Amino acid sequence: MKKKVLLLIALLLPLMVGAKKLTYLGHQYDGKVNGQNIPEGKGKIDIGGLIIEGMFNGKTINDATLKTDWLKFDGSVEYGREDAVTLKEGGVLTKYYYQTQDIRVERNYNGWTIYESSLPGKQKNTVENLSQDKVIDNQGLQEEPLTLPFTFEMTGIPSELNPPIVKKKGEFPLMKYSIWTRDGRQEGYMYAYVANTQPGVNDFVEGYKDDEGRSWTYIGAGEFVFIGKREMQFFVIYPDGSNYVYDGSWTLSYPSQKKVMFHNDFYEKGRMLLLVNGDKYEEGKDVAVRKIGEITGLSDFLTYYSEQKKVTLPSGVEIIVPEKLKNMSAMEIEKFLQDNVFSIVKTSNLFAAPIYIDDRPLRSGNEYRSNNCLGRYVDGKFIPQKR
């Protein structure tokens, strides 16, 4: 009988010493260990506030589960003395979230409030299969946003431009919410992802590429929380650099790298100005035309963009050229004008325009004095002014 008791004690002894609570690599561990007091087998560990359960093999945890109120990781984990862990490639990271339209959430002077009664059955999740190792600690886990794809339509844009449906990814931070019950009692706090993808909140993009290779920047008309109404704005840039702006201003680009720019709102004391290769433009390549006659609007932009016709300059437009032309010969000035202006625009049969030196920044009210006049461009020829 005594031998049987001793045998039973011998059999139970490994089980009794195999499960321990101890400090391993500076972390609190509760679970099975081997003869060297190293975690081996099923256990649980607290690494800087991250509670991880699984099958331990020293510094590796297989079939591991890391879970909080807002996310869960299933896979393999590696750890050391630091408070950070490595979530191994191939693991599954699940983030839980709510949408503002599904629950009752309000902002008050102390922060944000969630009403507990609105939560049941409203939680959603998004799943990420890790394609590479991810190093994370408790603070980093709380600072990592929820990335959520969604779509919206850019409203208010003329249909002739064929605006795309925007596919966008929004980032939503983890936030701390006060919990209120149905009868108005506060019951502590919770951390949660709450995503707001409703129209008028996240309907903006910058540099969004569509299937035609165009780049869109768009700010939709809607409500900013605590700010109020905003105005819808947009502009689209075509692959060749041509663009159209919501206010009717537009730019055409040509294969020769010259540009013609149109603006809705520019008159200088009732005069029509054409600024050639000013300081704002790349030397030798650009032409800016600011409200020449009635050349404005989307239909004109689409017509000229498709190269159905050239822009027509009215006689009398004042052509402002760079100061460097002051030292050029009449033949050189004529060639400059033909290459940089009249190769990309059209004029009437009887066309004449004064040519001025741009020796100061162009601004409203700036007058070009007669001593800045180089001459006139008349019917395809430059005629210098007599000095």
Protein backbone atom coordinates (compact mmCIF):
# COMPACT_ATOMS: atom_id res chain seq x y z
CA MET A 1 0.00 0.00 0.00
CA LYS A 2 2.83 2.39 0.88
CA LYS A 3 4.48 1.72 -2.48
CA LYS A 4 1.23 2.61 -4.33
CA VAL A 5 0.98 5.93 -2.47
CA LEU A 6 4.58 6.80 -3.28
CA LEU A 7 3.96 5.91 -6.95
CA LEU A 8 0.85 8.14 -7.06
CA ILE A 9 2.79 11.05 -5.56
CA ALA A 10 5.56 10.51 -8.11
CA LEU A 11 3.04 10.63 -10.94
CA LEU A 12 1.36 13.80 -9.64
CA LEU A 13 4.57 15.67 -8.86
CA PRO A 14 5.39 16.71 -12.47
CA LEU A 15 1.86 18.08 -12.85
CA MET A 16 2.09 20.02 -9.61
CA VAL A 17 5.40 21.69 -10.51
CA GLY A 18 4.49 22.06 -14.22
CA ALA A 19 2.01 24.96 -13.68
CA LYS A 20 3.44 28.10 -12.07
CA LYS A 21 3.07 31.80 -11.65
CA LEU A 22 6.46 33.41 -12.12
CA THR A 23 8.34 36.32 -13.65
CA TYR A 24 9.95 35.42 -16.96
CA LEU A 25 12.10 37.96 -18.84
CA GLY A 26 10.51 40.65 -16.66
CA HIS A 27 6.91 39.64 -17.50
CA GLN A 28 4.27 38.01 -15.33
CA TYR A 29 3.60 34.47 -16.56
CA ASP A 30 0.93 31.99 -15.46
CA GLY A 31 1.12 28.53 -16.97
CA LYS A 32 3.16 25.45 -17.57
CA VAL A 33 6.97 25.45 -17.38
CA ASN A 34 9.71 22.90 -17.92
CA GLY A 35 12.36 21.79 -15.45
CA GLN A 36 14.32 25.04 -15.97
CA ASN A 37 11.27 27.19 -15.16
CA ILE A 38 10.96 28.26 -18.80
CA PRO A 39 7.40 28.58 -20.17
CA GLU A 40 6.50 25.43 -22.03
CA GLY A 41 2.95 24.44 -22.83
CA LYS A 42 -0.33 26.21 -22.26
CA GLY A 43 -0.08 29.54 -20.45
CA LYS A 44 -0.82 33.26 -20.25
CA ILE A 45 1.59 36.21 -20.04
CA ASP A 46 1.29 39.96 -19.40
CA ILE A 47 3.74 41.93 -21.57
CA GLY A 48 3.42 45.62 -20.77
CA GLY A 49 -0.35 45.33 -20.50
CA LEU A 50 -0.76 43.00 -23.49
CA ILE A 51 -2.37 39.76 -22.25
CA ILE A 52 -1.45 36.87 -24.54
CA GLU A 53 -2.57 33.26 -24.22
CA GLY A 54 -1.33 30.27 -26.16
CA MET A 55 1.12 27.38 -26.33
CA PHE A 56 4.49 28.57 -25.05
CA ASN A 57 7.87 27.39 -26.21
CA GLY A 58 10.30 29.75 -24.49
CA LYS A 59 10.16 33.11 -26.31
CA THR A 60 7.66 31.86 -28.91
CA ILE A 61 3.90 31.55 -28.41
CA ASN A 62 2.08 29.37 -30.93
CA ASP A 63 -1.70 29.30 -31.37
CA ALA A 64 -1.57 32.65 -29.57
CA THR A 65 -4.52 34.93 -28.91
CA LEU A 66 -4.14 38.62 -28.06
CA LYS A 67 -7.51 40.23 -27.38
CA THR A 68 -8.83 43.65 -26.34
CA ASP A 69 -12.27 45.26 -26.58
CA TRP A 70 -11.45 46.60 -30.04
CA LEU A 71 -9.22 43.98 -31.68
CA LYS A 72 -7.99 40.40 -31.63
CA PHE A 73 -4.90 38.70 -33.02
CA ASP A 74 -4.68 34.98 -33.72
CA GLY A 75 -1.37 33.47 -34.80
CA SER A 76 2.19 33.18 -33.55
CA VAL A 77 3.93 35.74 -31.32
CA GLU A 78 7.55 36.27 -30.36
CA TYR A 79 8.69 38.29 -27.35
CA GLY A 80 11.74 39.18 -25.25
CA ARG A 81 12.54 41.47 -22.36
CA GLU A 82 10.99 44.53 -24.01
CA ASP A 83 7.33 45.49 -23.66
CA ALA A 84 6.89 45.08 -27.42
CA VAL A 85 5.95 41.82 -29.14
CA THR A 86 6.22 40.61 -32.73
CA LEU A 87 3.00 39.45 -34.37
CA LYS A 88 4.25 36.95 -36.92
CA GLU A 89 3.48 36.91 -40.62
CA GLY A 90 0.45 34.78 -41.46
CA GLY A 91 -1.46 35.75 -38.33
CA VAL A 92 -4.97 37.24 -38.48
CA LEU A 93 -5.65 40.70 -37.03
CA THR A 94 -9.36 41.45 -36.52
CA LYS A 95 -10.50 44.99 -35.65
CA TYR A 96 -13.99 45.64 -34.28
CA TYR A 97 -15.80 48.91 -34.94
CA TYR A 98 -19.14 50.72 -34.99
CA GLN A 99 -20.52 53.18 -37.53
CA THR A 100 -21.96 56.49 -36.41
CA GLN A 101 -25.20 55.94 -38.32
CA ASP A 102 -25.82 52.67 -36.45
CA ILE A 103 -25.37 53.77 -32.83
CA ARG A 104 -26.13 56.71 -30.59
CA VAL A 105 -22.91 58.64 -30.06
CA GLU A 106 -22.67 62.27 -28.97
CA ARG A 107 -20.02 64.83 -28.18
CA ASN A 108 -20.09 66.79 -24.92
CA TYR A 109 -17.74 69.15 -23.11
CA ASN A 110 -15.87 66.23 -21.54
CA GLY A 111 -15.39 64.25 -24.74
CA TRP A 112 -17.56 61.62 -26.38
CA THR A 113 -20.46 59.56 -25.07
CA ILE A 114 -21.85 56.24 -26.29
CA TYR A 115 -25.29 55.02 -25.20
CA GLU A 116 -24.98 51.39 -24.23
CA SER A 117 -28.48 50.46 -25.38
CA SER A 118 -27.58 51.31 -29.00
CA LEU A 119 -24.62 48.90 -29.21
CA PRO A 120 -26.03 45.33 -29.23
CA GLY A 121 -25.88 43.75 -32.67
CA LYS A 122 -24.20 46.81 -34.24
CA GLN A 123 -20.54 45.80 -34.00
CA LYS A 124 -18.75 45.11 -37.29
CA ASN A 125 -15.25 43.92 -38.04
CA THR A 126 -12.50 44.05 -40.62
CA VAL A 127 -9.91 41.31 -41.02
CA GLU A 128 -6.25 41.64 -42.05
CA ASN A 129 -3.98 38.70 -42.81
CA LEU A 130 -0.49 39.88 -41.93
CA SER A 131 1.80 39.72 -44.96
CA GLN A 132 4.83 40.51 -42.80
CA ASP A 133 5.86 40.61 -39.14
CA LYS A 134 4.37 43.44 -37.09
CA VAL A 135 6.09 44.82 -33.97
CA ILE A 136 3.66 46.39 -31.50
CA ASP A 137 3.38 47.41 -27.87
CA ASN A 138 0.37 48.38 -25.74
CA GLN A 139 0.61 52.11 -26.50
CA GLY A 140 1.15 51.51 -30.19
CA LEU A 141 -1.88 49.25 -30.24
CA GLN A 142 -4.02 52.09 -28.88
CA GLU A 143 -2.57 54.62 -31.32
CA GLU A 144 -3.06 52.47 -34.42
CA PRO A 145 -6.05 53.71 -36.46
CA LEU A 146 -8.74 51.66 -38.14
CA THR A 147 -8.37 51.79 -41.93
CA LEU A 148 -11.68 51.33 -43.69
CA PRO A 149 -12.36 51.40 -47.46
CA PHE A 150 -15.51 53.15 -48.74
CA THR A 151 -16.81 54.95 -51.83
CA PHE A 152 -18.56 58.25 -52.50
CA GLU A 153 -19.73 60.32 -55.47
CA MET A 154 -18.31 63.78 -56.16
CA THR A 155 -21.55 65.73 -56.40
CA GLY A 156 -21.90 69.12 -58.05
CA ILE A 157 -19.38 68.43 -60.83
CA PRO A 158 -20.69 68.91 -64.41
CA SER A 159 -21.51 65.56 -65.97
CA GLU A 160 -19.54 66.52 -69.10
CA LEU A 161 -16.37 65.95 -67.08
CA ASN A 162 -17.47 62.38 -66.29
CA PRO A 163 -16.39 62.45 -62.63
CA PRO A 164 -15.47 59.03 -61.20
CA ILE A 165 -16.91 57.32 -58.14
CA VAL A 166 -14.15 57.72 -55.57
CA LYS A 167 -12.76 54.65 -53.84
CA LYS A 168 -11.17 55.84 -50.64
CA LYS A 169 -9.65 54.54 -47.43
CA GLY A 170 -10.47 56.47 -44.29
CA GLU A 171 -8.48 56.32 -41.06
CA PHE A 172 -10.36 56.44 -37.77
CA PRO A 173 -8.57 56.65 -34.40
CA LEU A 174 -9.29 54.57 -31.34
CA MET A 175 -11.15 56.81 -28.89
CA LYS A 176 -12.25 56.70 -25.28
CA TYR A 177 -16.00 57.00 -24.74
CA SER A 178 -18.14 57.49 -21.66
CA ILE A 179 -20.83 54.80 -21.40
CA TRP A 180 -24.35 55.91 -20.51
CA THR A 181 -27.24 53.59 -19.74
CA ARG A 182 -30.82 53.93 -20.92
CA ASP A 183 -31.86 55.61 -17.65
CA GLY A 184 -29.08 58.23 -17.88
CA ARG A 185 -26.48 56.76 -15.54
CA GLN A 186 -22.81 56.78 -16.43
CA GLU A 187 -21.19 53.36 -16.22
CA GLY A 188 -17.49 53.88 -16.80
CA TYR A 189 -15.63 54.05 -20.08
CA MET A 190 -14.84 52.01 -23.17
CA TYR A 191 -12.33 52.21 -26.01
CA ALA A 192 -13.82 51.78 -29.47
CA TYR A 193 -13.37 52.49 -33.15
CA VAL A 194 -16.30 54.52 -34.46
CA ALA A 195 -16.21 55.16 -38.20
CA ASN A 196 -18.04 58.01 -39.89
CA THR A 197 -18.29 57.36 -43.64
CA GLN A 198 -21.50 59.30 -44.21
CA PRO A 199 -21.72 61.76 -47.16
CA GLY A 200 -20.58 65.26 -46.29
CA VAL A 201 -18.00 64.15 -43.73
CA ASN A 202 -15.25 62.34 -45.62
CA ASP A 203 -16.10 63.46 -49.15
CA PHE A 204 -12.74 64.99 -50.01
CA VAL A 205 -9.74 63.75 -51.96
CA GLU A 206 -6.43 65.19 -53.10
CA GLY A 207 -4.59 63.87 -56.14
CA TYR A 208 -7.09 61.04 -56.73
CA LYS A 209 -6.33 59.20 -59.99
CA ASP A 210 -9.24 57.94 -62.09
CA ASP A 211 -9.27 55.33 -64.88
CA GLU A 212 -8.51 58.02 -67.47
CA GLY A 213 -5.31 59.03 -65.70
CA ARG A 214 -6.77 62.31 -64.49
CA SER A 215 -5.95 63.65 -61.02
CA TRP A 216 -8.82 65.04 -58.92
CA THR A 217 -8.85 67.28 -55.89
CA TYR A 218 -12.32 67.66 -54.40
CA ILE A 219 -13.83 69.20 -51.26
CA GLY A 220 -17.52 68.43 -51.09
CA ALA A 221 -20.15 70.80 -49.79
CA GLY A 222 -21.31 69.56 -46.40
CA GLU A 223 -20.95 70.01 -42.67
CA PHE A 224 -17.78 70.22 -40.63
CA VAL A 225 -18.58 69.32 -37.02
CA PHE A 226 -18.69 72.56 -34.98
CA ILE A 227 -17.51 74.56 -38.01
CA GLY A 228 -20.53 74.84 -40.28
CA LYS A 229 -21.11 74.87 -44.02
CA ARG A 230 -18.32 74.69 -46.54
CA GLU A 231 -18.29 75.41 -50.27
CA MET A 232 -17.88 72.67 -52.85
CA GLN A 233 -14.57 73.03 -54.70
CA PHE A 234 -12.72 70.88 -57.20
CA PHE A 235 -10.13 70.84 -59.93
CA VAL A 236 -9.09 68.11 -62.33
CA ILE A 237 -5.69 67.74 -63.99
CA TYR A 238 -5.47 65.76 -67.23
CA PRO A 239 -2.50 63.50 -68.03
CA ASP A 240 -0.96 66.13 -70.32
CA GLY A 241 -1.17 68.84 -67.63
CA SER A 242 -4.34 70.56 -68.86
CA ASN A 243 -6.75 71.33 -66.03
CA TYR A 244 -10.17 72.71 -65.18
CA VAL A 245 -11.15 74.49 -61.94
CA TYR A 246 -14.64 74.70 -60.40
CA ASP A 247 -14.78 78.50 -60.87
CA GLY A 248 -14.42 78.19 -64.66
CA SER A 249 -10.68 78.86 -64.83
CA TRP A 250 -8.70 76.50 -66.98
CA THR A 251 -5.36 75.66 -68.57
CA LEU A 252 -4.49 73.96 -71.83
CA SER A 253 -1.18 72.18 -72.37
CA TYR A 254 0.22 71.32 -75.75
CA PRO A 255 2.82 68.73 -76.88
CA SER A 256 5.25 71.60 -77.41
CA GLN A 257 5.09 72.17 -73.60
CA LYS A 258 3.58 75.62 -74.12
CA LYS A 259 0.53 76.53 -72.09
CA VAL A 260 -2.45 78.82 -72.48
CA MET A 261 -4.13 79.70 -69.18
CA PHE A 262 -7.59 81.22 -68.78
CA HIS A 263 -8.96 82.89 -65.66
CA ASN A 264 -12.50 84.06 -65.08
CA ASP A 265 -11.79 87.01 -62.83
CA PHE A 266 -9.01 89.09 -64.34
CA TYR A 267 -9.36 92.52 -65.88
CA GLU A 268 -6.88 95.25 -65.12
CA LYS A 269 -8.61 98.60 -65.42
CA GLY A 270 -10.64 97.27 -68.32
CA ARG A 271 -7.54 96.32 -70.31
CA MET A 272 -6.93 92.88 -71.79
CA LEU A 273 -3.51 91.51 -70.88
CA LEU A 274 -1.59 88.51 -72.14
CA LEU A 275 1.38 87.67 -69.91
CA VAL A 276 4.09 85.80 -71.80
CA ASN A 277 6.62 83.80 -69.84
CA GLY A 278 6.47 85.85 -66.65
CA ASP A 279 8.35 84.99 -63.48
CA LYS A 280 5.60 82.56 -62.50
CA TYR A 281 6.17 80.43 -65.61
CA GLU A 282 8.99 78.32 -66.96
CA GLU A 283 11.17 80.38 -69.24
CA GLY A 284 10.53 80.00 -72.94
CA LYS A 285 7.57 77.66 -72.62
CA ASP A 286 4.48 79.21 -71.06
CA VAL A 287 1.80 81.67 -72.03
CA ALA A 288 -0.84 82.92 -69.60
CA VAL A 289 -4.02 84.38 -71.08
CA ARG A 290 -6.26 86.04 -68.54
CA LYS A 291 -9.86 86.58 -69.61
CA ILE A 292 -9.35 87.29 -73.28
CA GLY A 293 -12.78 88.26 -74.56
CA GLU A 294 -15.40 85.73 -73.49
CA ILE A 295 -13.23 82.60 -73.54
CA THR A 296 -14.43 81.01 -70.33
CA GLY A 297 -16.46 78.06 -69.17
CA LEU A 298 -16.48 74.29 -69.42
CA SER A 299 -17.76 74.01 -73.00
CA ASP A 300 -14.87 76.16 -74.26
CA PHE A 301 -12.38 74.13 -72.26
CA LEU A 302 -13.63 70.84 -73.70
CA THR A 303 -13.69 72.28 -77.21
CA TYR A 304 -10.13 73.60 -77.06
CA TYR A 305 -8.85 70.57 -75.16
CA SER A 306 -10.03 68.27 -77.95
CA GLU A 307 -8.11 70.56 -80.37
CA GLN A 308 -11.23 71.25 -82.39
CA LYS A 309 -10.06 74.84 -82.72
CA LYS A 310 -7.44 77.30 -81.51
CA VAL A 311 -7.99 80.13 -79.06
CA THR A 312 -8.64 83.42 -80.84
CA LEU A 313 -6.94 86.55 -79.49
CA PRO A 314 -8.74 89.86 -80.06
CA SER A 315 -6.90 92.76 -81.57
CA GLY A 316 -5.70 95.24 -78.97
CA VAL A 317 -4.67 92.72 -76.34
CA GLU A 318 -1.59 94.01 -74.49
CA ILE A 319 1.21 91.46 -74.65
CA ILE A 320 3.61 91.56 -71.70
CA VAL A 321 6.96 89.88 -72.29
CA PRO A 322 9.99 89.11 -70.05
CA GLU A 323 12.51 91.85 -69.39
CA LYS A 324 15.23 89.87 -71.20
CA LEU A 325 13.61 90.80 -74.54
CA LYS A 326 14.76 94.40 -74.01
CA ASN A 327 18.22 93.38 -75.21
CA MET A 328 17.04 91.36 -78.20
CA SER A 329 16.93 92.43 -81.82
CA ALA A 330 13.61 93.02 -83.61
CA MET A 331 14.07 89.73 -85.45
CA GLU A 332 14.68 87.84 -82.21
CA ILE A 333 11.63 89.43 -80.55
CA GLU A 334 9.46 88.54 -83.53
CA LYS A 335 10.65 84.91 -83.41
CA PHE A 336 10.03 84.76 -79.65
CA LEU A 337 6.44 85.95 -80.11
CA GLN A 338 5.78 83.56 -82.97
CA ASP A 339 7.22 80.58 -81.06
CA ASN A 340 5.67 81.32 -77.67
CA VAL A 341 2.34 82.96 -78.52
CA PHE A 342 1.17 82.87 -82.09
CA SER A 343 2.03 79.22 -82.73
CA ILE A 344 -0.69 78.16 -80.31
CA VAL A 345 -3.35 80.85 -80.75
CA LYS A 346 -5.30 82.30 -83.66
CA THR A 347 -5.74 85.96 -84.60
CA SER A 348 -8.08 87.87 -86.89
CA ASN A 349 -6.93 89.01 -90.32
CA LEU A 350 -6.33 92.51 -89.02
CA PHE A 351 -4.48 92.03 -85.75
CA ALA A 352 -2.39 94.52 -83.83
CA ALA A 353 -1.13 94.42 -80.26
CA PRO A 354 1.32 96.54 -78.23
CA ILE A 355 4.30 94.73 -76.68
CA TYR A 356 5.43 95.78 -73.16
CA ILE A 357 8.35 94.78 -70.99
CA ASP A 358 7.33 93.15 -67.70
CA ASP A 359 9.78 94.86 -65.33
CA ARG A 360 7.73 94.50 -62.15
CA PRO A 361 5.42 91.91 -60.54
CA LEU A 362 2.07 91.78 -62.28
CA ARG A 363 -0.64 92.91 -59.90
CA SER A 364 -3.99 94.65 -60.01
CA GLY A 365 -3.52 98.32 -60.88
CA ASN A 366 -0.04 97.88 -62.35
CA GLU A 367 0.40 100.19 -65.34
CA TYR A 368 2.86 99.62 -68.14
CA ARG A 369 4.44 102.97 -69.02
CA SER A 370 5.17 104.06 -72.55
CA ASN A 371 8.92 103.78 -71.96
CA ASN A 372 8.37 100.06 -71.33
CA CYS A 373 6.84 99.61 -74.77
CA LEU A 374 9.05 97.61 -77.16
CA GLY A 375 6.77 98.13 -80.12
CA ARG A 376 3.76 96.56 -81.81
CA TYR A 377 2.97 93.22 -83.36
CA VAL A 378 0.95 93.92 -86.52
CA ASP A 379 -0.30 91.24 -88.92
CA GLY A 380 2.48 88.77 -88.17
CA LYS A 381 5.36 91.27 -87.95
CA PHE A 382 7.04 92.96 -85.00
CA ILE A 383 7.53 96.69 -85.46
CA PRO A 384 9.90 98.16 -82.84
CA GLN A 385 9.04 101.48 -81.23
CA LYS A 386 11.22 104.38 -82.30
CA ARG A 387 13.39 105.67 -79.47
